Amino acid sequence: MHEFSTAVSIVEAVKKAAMSHGVAKVVGITLQIGKLSMLNHDQLLFGIEIASKDSAVEGAKVTIEPLPTKIRCRKCGTESEITQEGALYEILTSLTCSKCSTKDVEVIQGRECIIKDIQAEVEKT
């Protein structure tokens, strides 16, 4: 269950960013997550909820934006977005270049878990 350790890392990074900007309350977090990260979104959200208890991040609305899977052919250099759905194993074993049909491809996007932005409540002075 790597979702909880990922959730803790996300919360710690958000707390650090909030502290460095003098933010007392984080109200929203936007994450970009690739399908190949193999993160279960529900488990990740639950982990963030638990890890953020009694902190400036507690109660923040977390939005997850899916990142598409992209590959690059090692032979012809063509970059393609993978739209295939199904089991991860089936997707990974069927990756082929859209131009020359070789299986000699590398994944260039889709494994990420990125904190895209953090929304904070600002006190009026």
N, C-alpha and C. Protein backbone atom coordinates (compact mmCIF):
# COMPACT_ATOMS: atom_id res chain seq x y z
N MET A 1 0.84 -1.17 0.00
CA MET A 1 0.00 0.00 0.00
C MET A 1 0.89 1.24 0.00
N HIS A 2 1.38 1.61 -1.16
CA HIS A 2 2.24 2.79 -1.25
C HIS A 2 1.44 4.09 -1.27
N GLU A 3 0.13 3.98 -1.28
CA GLU A 3 -0.71 5.18 -1.27
C GLU A 3 -0.51 6.00 -0.01
N PHE A 4 -0.39 5.32 1.15
CA PHE A 4 -0.26 6.07 2.40
C PHE A 4 1.08 6.79 2.47
N SER A 5 2.16 6.14 2.08
CA SER A 5 3.46 6.83 2.11
C SER A 5 3.48 7.98 1.11
N THR A 6 2.81 7.81 -0.02
CA THR A 6 2.70 8.91 -0.99
C THR A 6 1.87 10.04 -0.40
N ALA A 7 0.78 9.71 0.27
CA ALA A 7 -0.07 10.72 0.91
C ALA A 7 0.72 11.51 1.95
N VAL A 8 1.49 10.83 2.75
CA VAL A 8 2.30 11.51 3.78
C VAL A 8 3.31 12.45 3.10
N SER A 9 3.94 12.00 2.03
CA SER A 9 4.90 12.84 1.30
C SER A 9 4.22 14.08 0.72
N ILE A 10 3.02 13.91 0.18
CA ILE A 10 2.28 15.03 -0.38
C ILE A 10 1.95 16.04 0.72
N VAL A 11 1.41 15.56 1.83
CA VAL A 11 1.04 16.45 2.94
C VAL A 11 2.27 17.18 3.48
N GLU A 12 3.38 16.48 3.63
CA GLU A 12 4.60 17.13 4.13
C GLU A 12 5.08 18.21 3.16
N ALA A 13 5.04 17.93 1.86
CA ALA A 13 5.47 18.92 0.87
C ALA A 13 4.54 20.14 0.89
N VAL A 14 3.24 19.91 1.02
CA VAL A 14 2.28 21.02 1.06
C VAL A 14 2.47 21.83 2.34
N LYS A 15 2.67 21.16 3.47
CA LYS A 15 2.92 21.88 4.73
C LYS A 15 4.18 22.73 4.64
N LYS A 16 5.22 22.18 4.05
CA LYS A 16 6.48 22.91 3.90
C LYS A 16 6.28 24.15 3.01
N ALA A 17 5.58 23.98 1.89
CA ALA A 17 5.31 25.11 0.99
C ALA A 17 4.46 26.16 1.70
N ALA A 18 3.46 25.72 2.44
CA ALA A 18 2.59 26.66 3.16
C ALA A 18 3.39 27.44 4.19
N MET A 19 4.23 26.74 4.93
CA MET A 19 5.02 27.40 5.96
C MET A 19 5.99 28.41 5.35
N SER A 20 6.61 28.06 4.22
CA SER A 20 7.57 28.97 3.60
C SER A 20 6.92 30.22 3.02
N HIS A 21 5.60 30.17 2.81
CA HIS A 21 4.87 31.33 2.30
C HIS A 21 3.99 31.98 3.36
N GLY A 22 4.15 31.56 4.60
CA GLY A 22 3.39 32.16 5.69
C GLY A 22 1.91 31.88 5.66
N VAL A 23 1.53 30.74 5.09
CA VAL A 23 0.12 30.37 4.97
C VAL A 23 -0.32 29.60 6.21
N ALA A 24 -1.42 30.03 6.79
CA ALA A 24 -1.95 29.36 7.97
C ALA A 24 -2.92 28.24 7.62
N LYS A 25 -3.60 28.35 6.48
CA LYS A 25 -4.63 27.36 6.12
C LYS A 25 -4.60 27.06 4.63
N VAL A 26 -4.43 25.79 4.30
CA VAL A 26 -4.52 25.32 2.91
C VAL A 26 -5.95 24.89 2.67
N VAL A 27 -6.57 25.41 1.61
CA VAL A 27 -7.97 25.08 1.33
C VAL A 27 -8.13 24.14 0.14
N GLY A 28 -7.09 24.01 -0.68
CA GLY A 28 -7.20 23.13 -1.84
C GLY A 28 -5.84 22.68 -2.34
N ILE A 29 -5.82 21.49 -2.90
CA ILE A 29 -4.62 20.93 -3.50
C ILE A 29 -5.04 20.27 -4.81
N THR A 30 -4.31 20.55 -5.88
CA THR A 30 -4.57 19.89 -7.15
C THR A 30 -3.38 18.98 -7.46
N LEU A 31 -3.69 17.71 -7.67
CA LEU A 31 -2.67 16.72 -8.01
C LEU A 31 -2.87 16.27 -9.45
N GLN A 32 -1.77 16.01 -10.14
CA GLN A 32 -1.82 15.38 -11.45
C GLN A 32 -1.21 13.98 -11.28
N ILE A 33 -1.99 12.97 -11.64
CA ILE A 33 -1.55 11.60 -11.41
C ILE A 33 -1.70 10.79 -12.69
N GLY A 34 -0.61 10.15 -13.08
CA GLY A 34 -0.62 9.28 -14.24
C GLY A 34 -1.15 7.90 -13.89
N LYS A 35 -1.79 7.27 -14.86
CA LYS A 35 -2.37 5.95 -14.63
C LYS A 35 -1.30 4.92 -14.26
N LEU A 36 -0.10 5.08 -14.83
CA LEU A 36 0.97 4.11 -14.57
C LEU A 36 1.62 4.30 -13.20
N SER A 37 1.18 5.31 -12.44
CA SER A 37 1.69 5.49 -11.08
C SER A 37 1.17 4.38 -10.18
N MET A 38 0.11 3.73 -10.62
CA MET A 38 -0.55 2.65 -9.90
C MET A 38 -1.05 3.09 -8.53
N LEU A 39 -1.43 4.37 -8.41
CA LEU A 39 -2.00 4.88 -7.18
C LEU A 39 -3.51 4.77 -7.23
N ASN A 40 -4.09 4.17 -6.22
CA ASN A 40 -5.54 4.11 -6.10
C ASN A 40 -6.00 5.46 -5.55
N HIS A 41 -6.80 6.18 -6.31
CA HIS A 41 -7.18 7.54 -5.93
C HIS A 41 -7.94 7.59 -4.61
N ASP A 42 -8.85 6.67 -4.38
CA ASP A 42 -9.62 6.67 -3.13
C ASP A 42 -8.71 6.43 -1.93
N GLN A 43 -7.79 5.49 -2.05
CA GLN A 43 -6.87 5.22 -0.95
C GLN A 43 -5.94 6.40 -0.72
N LEU A 44 -5.50 7.05 -1.81
CA LEU A 44 -4.63 8.21 -1.68
C LEU A 44 -5.36 9.35 -0.97
N LEU A 45 -6.60 9.62 -1.36
CA LEU A 45 -7.39 10.68 -0.72
C LEU A 45 -7.61 10.39 0.76
N PHE A 46 -7.88 9.13 1.09
CA PHE A 46 -8.05 8.74 2.49
C PHE A 46 -6.74 8.95 3.25
N GLY A 47 -5.62 8.58 2.65
CA GLY A 47 -4.31 8.76 3.28
C GLY A 47 -4.01 10.23 3.53
N ILE A 48 -4.35 11.08 2.57
CA ILE A 48 -4.13 12.53 2.74
C ILE A 48 -4.99 13.05 3.89
N GLU A 49 -6.22 12.57 3.97
CA GLU A 49 -7.12 12.98 5.06
C GLU A 49 -6.52 12.61 6.42
N ILE A 50 -6.00 11.41 6.53
CA ILE A 50 -5.41 10.95 7.79
C ILE A 50 -4.11 11.71 8.09
N ALA A 51 -3.24 11.83 7.09
CA ALA A 51 -1.93 12.47 7.29
C ALA A 51 -2.02 13.96 7.57
N SER A 52 -3.13 14.59 7.20
CA SER A 52 -3.24 16.04 7.38
C SER A 52 -3.94 16.45 8.67
N LYS A 53 -4.34 15.47 9.48
CA LYS A 53 -5.03 15.78 10.74
C LYS A 53 -4.20 16.75 11.58
N ASP A 54 -4.88 17.71 12.18
CA ASP A 54 -4.28 18.70 13.08
C ASP A 54 -3.15 19.49 12.44
N SER A 55 -3.28 19.77 11.14
CA SER A 55 -2.28 20.58 10.44
C SER A 55 -2.99 21.63 9.59
N ALA A 56 -2.21 22.50 8.98
CA ALA A 56 -2.76 23.54 8.11
C ALA A 56 -3.42 22.95 6.87
N VAL A 57 -3.18 21.68 6.60
CA VAL A 57 -3.72 21.02 5.41
C VAL A 57 -5.05 20.32 5.69
N GLU A 58 -5.36 20.11 6.95
CA GLU A 58 -6.59 19.39 7.30
C GLU A 58 -7.81 20.05 6.68
N GLY A 59 -8.63 19.24 6.02
CA GLY A 59 -9.86 19.71 5.41
C GLY A 59 -9.71 20.29 4.01
N ALA A 60 -8.49 20.34 3.50
CA ALA A 60 -8.28 20.89 2.15
C ALA A 60 -8.97 20.00 1.12
N LYS A 61 -9.58 20.63 0.11
CA LYS A 61 -10.22 19.88 -0.97
C LYS A 61 -9.11 19.43 -1.93
N VAL A 62 -9.04 18.14 -2.16
CA VAL A 62 -8.02 17.59 -3.05
C VAL A 62 -8.68 17.21 -4.38
N THR A 63 -8.14 17.77 -5.45
CA THR A 63 -8.63 17.49 -6.80
C THR A 63 -7.55 16.70 -7.53
N ILE A 64 -7.97 15.64 -8.19
CA ILE A 64 -7.02 14.82 -8.96
C ILE A 64 -7.32 14.97 -10.44
N GLU A 65 -6.30 15.39 -11.18
CA GLU A 65 -6.39 15.49 -12.64
C GLU A 65 -5.58 14.33 -13.22
N PRO A 66 -6.20 13.50 -14.05
CA PRO A 66 -5.44 12.39 -14.64
C PRO A 66 -4.45 12.89 -15.70
N LEU A 67 -3.28 12.31 -15.68
CA LEU A 67 -2.28 12.60 -16.72
C LEU A 67 -2.32 11.48 -17.75
N PRO A 68 -2.33 11.81 -19.02
CA PRO A 68 -2.34 10.76 -20.04
C PRO A 68 -1.01 10.02 -20.08
N THR A 69 -1.08 8.80 -20.55
CA THR A 69 0.13 8.01 -20.76
C THR A 69 0.68 8.32 -22.15
N LYS A 70 1.97 8.66 -22.20
CA LYS A 70 2.60 8.96 -23.48
C LYS A 70 3.85 8.10 -23.64
N ILE A 71 4.08 7.67 -24.89
CA ILE A 71 5.26 6.87 -25.19
C ILE A 71 6.05 7.52 -26.32
N ARG A 72 7.33 7.15 -26.40
CA ARG A 72 8.19 7.58 -27.50
C ARG A 72 8.85 6.33 -28.10
N CYS A 73 8.81 6.24 -29.43
CA CYS A 73 9.42 5.13 -30.13
C CYS A 73 10.94 5.32 -30.15
N ARG A 74 11.67 4.28 -29.78
CA ARG A 74 13.13 4.35 -29.79
C ARG A 74 13.70 4.23 -31.20
N LYS A 75 12.90 3.76 -32.14
CA LYS A 75 13.38 3.60 -33.51
C LYS A 75 13.11 4.84 -34.36
N CYS A 76 11.87 5.33 -34.38
CA CYS A 76 11.54 6.44 -35.28
C CYS A 76 11.31 7.76 -34.55
N GLY A 77 11.25 7.73 -33.21
CA GLY A 77 11.10 8.95 -32.44
C GLY A 77 9.68 9.47 -32.29
N THR A 78 8.71 8.77 -32.85
CA THR A 78 7.31 9.21 -32.77
C THR A 78 6.82 9.18 -31.32
N GLU A 79 6.15 10.25 -30.91
CA GLU A 79 5.52 10.29 -29.59
C GLU A 79 4.02 10.09 -29.76
N SER A 80 3.45 9.25 -28.90
CA SER A 80 2.03 8.92 -28.99
C SER A 80 1.41 8.94 -27.61
N GLU A 81 0.12 9.28 -27.58
CA GLU A 81 -0.65 9.19 -26.35
C GLU A 81 -1.42 7.87 -26.37
N ILE A 82 -1.39 7.15 -25.26
CA ILE A 82 -2.08 5.86 -25.16
C ILE A 82 -3.48 6.10 -24.60
N THR A 83 -4.46 5.69 -25.37
CA THR A 83 -5.85 5.87 -24.94
C THR A 83 -6.50 4.55 -24.55
N GLN A 84 -5.76 3.47 -24.68
CA GLN A 84 -6.29 2.14 -24.38
C GLN A 84 -6.70 2.05 -22.91
N GLU A 85 -7.82 1.44 -22.67
CA GLU A 85 -8.31 1.19 -21.32
C GLU A 85 -8.16 -0.29 -21.02
N GLY A 86 -8.25 -0.62 -19.76
CA GLY A 86 -8.18 -2.02 -19.36
C GLY A 86 -7.19 -2.21 -18.24
N ALA A 87 -6.85 -3.45 -18.02
CA ALA A 87 -5.91 -3.80 -16.97
C ALA A 87 -4.53 -3.25 -17.31
N LEU A 88 -3.83 -2.80 -16.28
CA LEU A 88 -2.51 -2.20 -16.49
C LEU A 88 -1.56 -3.15 -17.20
N TYR A 89 -1.58 -4.42 -16.84
CA TYR A 89 -0.71 -5.41 -17.48
C TYR A 89 -0.99 -5.48 -18.98
N GLU A 90 -2.25 -5.50 -19.35
CA GLU A 90 -2.62 -5.56 -20.77
C GLU A 90 -2.15 -4.32 -21.52
N ILE A 91 -2.27 -3.17 -20.89
CA ILE A 91 -1.82 -1.93 -21.53
C ILE A 91 -0.32 -1.96 -21.73
N LEU A 92 0.41 -2.30 -20.68
CA LEU A 92 1.87 -2.28 -20.76
C LEU A 92 2.42 -3.28 -21.77
N THR A 93 1.80 -4.43 -21.88
CA THR A 93 2.31 -5.44 -22.80
C THR A 93 1.89 -5.19 -24.24
N SER A 94 0.98 -4.25 -24.45
CA SER A 94 0.54 -3.99 -25.81
C SER A 94 1.02 -2.65 -26.36
N LEU A 95 1.93 -1.97 -25.66
CA LEU A 95 2.42 -0.68 -26.13
C LEU A 95 3.21 -0.85 -27.42
N THR A 96 2.78 -0.16 -28.46
CA THR A 96 3.48 -0.18 -29.75
C THR A 96 3.48 1.22 -30.35
N CYS A 97 4.44 1.48 -31.20
CA CYS A 97 4.55 2.77 -31.88
C CYS A 97 3.37 2.92 -32.85
N SER A 98 2.75 4.08 -32.83
CA SER A 98 1.61 4.32 -33.72
C SER A 98 2.04 4.52 -35.17
N LYS A 99 3.32 4.77 -35.40
CA LYS A 99 3.80 5.00 -36.76
C LYS A 99 4.42 3.74 -37.38
N CYS A 100 5.38 3.12 -36.65
CA CYS A 100 6.09 1.98 -37.25
C CYS A 100 5.75 0.64 -36.62
N SER A 101 4.87 0.63 -35.63
CA SER A 101 4.34 -0.58 -34.98
C SER A 101 5.35 -1.39 -34.19
N THR A 102 6.55 -0.86 -33.93
CA THR A 102 7.51 -1.59 -33.10
C THR A 102 7.08 -1.53 -31.64
N LYS A 103 7.55 -2.51 -30.88
CA LYS A 103 7.30 -2.52 -29.44
C LYS A 103 8.46 -1.88 -28.68
N ASP A 104 9.45 -1.38 -29.41
CA ASP A 104 10.62 -0.75 -28.80
C ASP A 104 10.29 0.69 -28.45
N VAL A 105 9.52 0.86 -27.38
CA VAL A 105 9.06 2.18 -26.96
C VAL A 105 9.41 2.41 -25.50
N GLU A 106 9.43 3.68 -25.13
CA GLU A 106 9.65 4.04 -23.73
C GLU A 106 8.50 4.92 -23.26
N VAL A 107 8.12 4.75 -22.01
CA VAL A 107 7.07 5.58 -21.42
C VAL A 107 7.71 6.91 -21.04
N ILE A 108 7.16 8.01 -21.54
CA ILE A 108 7.69 9.33 -21.22
C ILE A 108 6.75 10.14 -20.33
N GLN A 109 5.54 9.68 -20.14
CA GLN A 109 4.60 10.32 -19.22
C GLN A 109 3.55 9.31 -18.79
N GLY A 110 3.18 9.40 -17.52
CA GLY A 110 2.11 8.54 -17.03
C GLY A 110 2.42 7.89 -15.69
N ARG A 111 3.65 8.06 -15.21
CA ARG A 111 4.04 7.49 -13.93
C ARG A 111 4.06 8.53 -12.81
N GLU A 112 3.77 9.79 -13.17
CA GLU A 112 3.95 10.88 -12.23
C GLU A 112 2.83 11.00 -11.20
N CYS A 113 3.20 11.64 -10.11
CA CYS A 113 2.25 12.15 -9.12
C CYS A 113 2.80 13.53 -8.77
N ILE A 114 2.15 14.57 -9.29
CA ILE A 114 2.66 15.94 -9.21
C ILE A 114 1.69 16.81 -8.41
N ILE A 115 2.24 17.61 -7.51
CA ILE A 115 1.43 18.63 -6.85
C ILE A 115 1.40 19.81 -7.83
N LYS A 116 0.27 19.98 -8.50
CA LYS A 116 0.15 21.03 -9.52
C LYS A 116 0.01 22.41 -8.88
N ASP A 117 -0.89 22.51 -7.89
CA ASP A 117 -1.02 23.77 -7.20
C ASP A 117 -1.64 23.59 -5.83
N ILE A 118 -1.47 24.63 -5.04
CA ILE A 118 -1.97 24.66 -3.66
C ILE A 118 -2.75 25.96 -3.50
N GLN A 119 -3.98 25.86 -3.02
CA GLN A 119 -4.78 27.06 -2.77
C GLN A 119 -4.78 27.31 -1.27
N ALA A 120 -4.59 28.57 -0.92
CA ALA A 120 -4.51 28.93 0.49
C ALA A 120 -5.49 30.04 0.81
N GLU A 121 -5.89 30.06 2.06
CA GLU A 121 -6.75 31.13 2.57
C GLU A 121 -5.83 32.21 3.09
N VAL A 122 -6.05 33.43 2.62
CA VAL A 122 -5.20 34.55 3.01
C VAL A 122 -5.98 35.44 3.95
N GLU A 123 -5.32 35.80 5.06
CA GLU A 123 -5.95 36.71 6.01
C GLU A 123 -5.91 38.12 5.48
N LYS A 124 -7.02 38.84 5.64
CA LYS A 124 -7.07 40.24 5.23
C LYS A 124 -6.45 41.09 6.32
N THR A 125 -5.63 42.03 5.89
CA THR A 125 -4.97 42.89 6.90
C THR A 125 -5.56 44.28 6.90
